[in-house]
């Protein structure tokens, strides 16, 4: 009786690996999108601060670091999602 229950309750190995790969892909998408949102928020925050402060250092930091990073992460996200 226990042998029959063990056989019925086990899921196929291919299904376990398929679910693992799917969840890893979804996790990667979440990580990339969250990073893109954080860098875009930083970019817009520095743009708004620059309007009030009149400091050229913020513009150079923004153009050198935040803008390329946010463009890269957004491009990566759109490549990872099929159909975007």
Protein backbone atom coordinates (compact mmCIF):
# COMPACT_ATOMS: atom_id res chain seq x y z
CA UNK A 1 0.00 0.00 0.00
CA UNK A 2 2.79 2.45 0.84
CA UNK A 3 4.62 1.60 -2.36
CA UNK A 4 1.54 2.54 -4.38
CA UNK A 5 1.18 5.86 -2.53
CA UNK A 6 4.82 6.76 -3.10
CA UNK A 7 4.47 6.07 -6.82
CA UNK A 8 1.35 8.20 -7.16
CA UNK A 9 2.62 11.19 -5.15
CA UNK A 10 5.92 11.63 -6.96
CA UNK A 11 6.01 14.15 -9.76
CA UNK A 12 8.04 13.43 -12.87
CA UNK A 13 11.59 14.72 -12.84
CA UNK A 14 11.14 16.72 -16.05
CA UNK A 15 8.24 18.61 -14.48
CA UNK A 16 10.32 19.53 -11.45
CA UNK A 17 13.13 20.86 -13.65
CA UNK A 18 10.70 22.71 -15.89
CA UNK A 19 9.18 24.46 -12.87
CA UNK A 20 12.63 25.29 -11.49
CA UNK A 21 13.73 26.83 -14.78
CA UNK A 22 10.46 28.75 -15.09
CA UNK A 23 10.73 30.16 -11.57
CA UNK A 24 14.40 31.05 -12.12
CA UNK A 25 13.45 32.90 -15.32
CA UNK A 26 10.67 34.78 -13.54
CA UNK A 27 13.06 35.62 -10.70
CA UNK A 28 15.59 36.97 -13.20
CA UNK A 29 12.91 39.11 -14.82
CA UNK A 30 11.86 40.49 -11.45
CA UNK A 31 15.45 41.28 -10.50
CA UNK A 32 16.22 43.03 -13.80
CA UNK A 33 12.98 45.02 -13.76
CA UNK A 34 13.46 46.08 -10.14
CA UNK A 35 17.01 47.21 -10.89
CA UNK A 36 15.82 49.13 -13.95
CA UNK A 37 13.11 50.87 -11.92
CA UNK A 38 15.58 51.83 -9.19
CA UNK A 39 18.08 53.30 -11.66
CA UNK A 40 15.36 55.15 -13.56
CA UNK A 41 14.06 56.57 -10.30
CA UNK A 42 17.59 57.71 -9.45
CA UNK A 43 17.92 59.31 -12.87
CA UNK A 44 14.70 61.27 -12.53
CA UNK A 45 15.52 62.26 -8.97
CA UNK A 46 18.85 63.71 -10.03
CA UNK A 47 17.19 65.55 -12.92
CA UNK A 48 14.70 67.16 -10.53
CA UNK A 49 17.42 68.00 -8.00
CA UNK A 50 19.49 69.58 -10.75
CA UNK A 51 16.65 72.00 -11.51
CA UNK A 52 16.71 73.33 -7.96
CA UNK A 53 20.42 73.20 -7.14
CA UNK A 54 22.12 74.42 -10.36
CA UNK A 55 25.07 72.11 -9.86
CA UNK A 56 26.81 70.59 -12.90
CA UNK A 57 28.19 67.68 -10.90
CA UNK A 58 24.76 66.09 -10.69
CA UNK A 59 24.38 66.28 -14.46
CA UNK A 60 27.73 64.59 -15.06
CA UNK A 61 26.97 61.84 -12.53
CA UNK A 62 23.59 61.33 -14.10
CA UNK A 63 24.91 61.19 -17.68
CA UNK A 64 27.93 59.03 -16.83
CA UNK A 65 26.39 56.46 -14.51
CA UNK A 66 22.62 56.40 -14.20
CA UNK A 67 21.50 56.93 -17.79
CA UNK A 68 23.68 54.17 -19.33
CA UNK A 69 22.79 51.78 -16.52
CA UNK A 70 19.06 52.37 -16.85
CA UNK A 71 19.22 52.08 -20.65
CA UNK A 72 21.17 48.82 -20.37
CA UNK A 73 18.78 47.32 -17.81
CA UNK A 74 15.69 48.35 -19.75
CA UNK A 75 17.17 46.91 -22.95
CA UNK A 76 18.00 43.69 -21.12
CA UNK A 77 14.46 43.45 -19.75
CA UNK A 78 12.88 43.97 -23.17
CA UNK A 79 15.13 41.30 -24.66
CA UNK A 80 14.25 38.81 -21.93
CA UNK A 81 10.50 39.23 -22.37
CA UNK A 82 9.34 37.72 -25.63
CA UNK A 83 7.10 39.98 -27.65
CA UNK A 84 8.25 43.31 -26.20
